[in-house]
């Protein structure tokens, strides 16, 4: 399916935590903590993320630390 054919899914904010499986919540938390980087290969099983095989973390040296 191409990007143009995808329809966004909207859920009420209160129901997102209750309905989102724990594996997706953990994956979202991982992405948030990663901040910058790439996930080259993500394994999905039964509609749930199970393994990120290769992860690269990018560090920017911009001098504003």
Protein backbone atom coordinates (compact mmCIF):
# COMPACT_ATOMS: atom_id res chain seq x y z
CA UNK A 1 0.00 0.00 0.00
CA UNK A 2 1.38 3.38 -0.91
CA UNK A 3 1.36 6.42 1.37
CA UNK A 4 -1.41 8.14 -0.60
CA UNK A 5 -3.75 5.21 0.05
CA UNK A 6 -3.35 5.24 3.82
CA UNK A 7 -5.99 6.78 6.01
CA UNK A 8 -5.02 8.16 9.43
CA UNK A 9 -6.52 6.41 12.44
CA UNK A 10 -7.85 8.72 15.11
CA UNK A 11 -8.56 7.49 18.61
CA UNK A 12 -9.85 9.42 21.60
CA UNK A 13 -6.87 10.26 23.81
CA UNK A 14 -8.35 8.57 26.88
CA UNK A 15 -8.73 5.23 25.09
CA UNK A 16 -5.24 5.10 23.53
CA UNK A 17 -3.46 3.86 26.67
CA UNK A 18 -6.17 1.35 27.44
CA UNK A 19 -6.28 -0.17 23.93
CA UNK A 20 -2.65 0.08 22.79
CA UNK A 21 -0.84 -3.22 23.43
CA UNK A 22 2.13 -3.14 25.79
CA UNK A 23 4.58 -4.00 22.97
CA UNK A 24 3.54 -0.90 20.99
CA UNK A 25 3.76 1.30 24.11
CA UNK A 26 7.29 -0.02 24.74
CA UNK A 27 8.28 0.57 21.09
CA UNK A 28 6.95 4.14 21.22
CA UNK A 29 8.83 4.71 24.49
CA UNK A 30 12.01 3.34 22.86
CA UNK A 31 11.61 5.70 19.89
CA UNK A 32 11.02 8.65 22.20
CA UNK A 33 14.14 7.82 24.23
CA UNK A 34 16.24 7.29 21.08
CA UNK A 35 15.44 10.87 19.96
CA UNK A 36 17.66 10.69 16.84
CA UNK A 37 18.63 7.55 14.98
CA UNK A 38 17.56 4.82 12.62
CA UNK A 39 15.87 1.49 13.02
CA UNK A 40 17.01 -0.45 10.00
CA UNK A 41 15.01 -3.62 10.54
CA UNK A 42 11.91 -4.04 12.68
CA UNK A 43 10.30 -7.44 13.14
CA UNK A 44 6.51 -7.48 13.49
CA UNK A 45 4.71 -10.63 14.60
CA UNK A 46 0.94 -10.91 14.92
CA UNK A 47 0.70 -7.15 14.42
CA UNK A 48 3.07 -6.33 17.29
CA UNK A 49 6.69 -5.16 17.27
CA UNK A 50 8.93 -7.91 18.63
CA UNK A 51 12.51 -7.05 17.67
CA UNK A 52 14.57 -4.18 16.32
CA UNK A 53 17.60 -5.98 14.88
CA UNK A 54 19.87 -3.10 13.89
CA UNK A 55 19.86 0.24 15.58
CA UNK A 56 22.13 3.21 14.89
CA UNK A 57 22.22 6.18 17.18
CA UNK A 58 23.17 9.56 15.76
CA UNK A 59 24.94 12.13 17.87
CA UNK A 60 25.13 15.71 16.64
CA UNK A 61 28.09 17.82 17.69
CA UNK A 62 26.59 21.28 17.31
CA UNK A 63 28.33 23.07 20.15
CA UNK A 64 25.12 24.06 21.98
CA UNK A 65 25.58 21.56 24.81
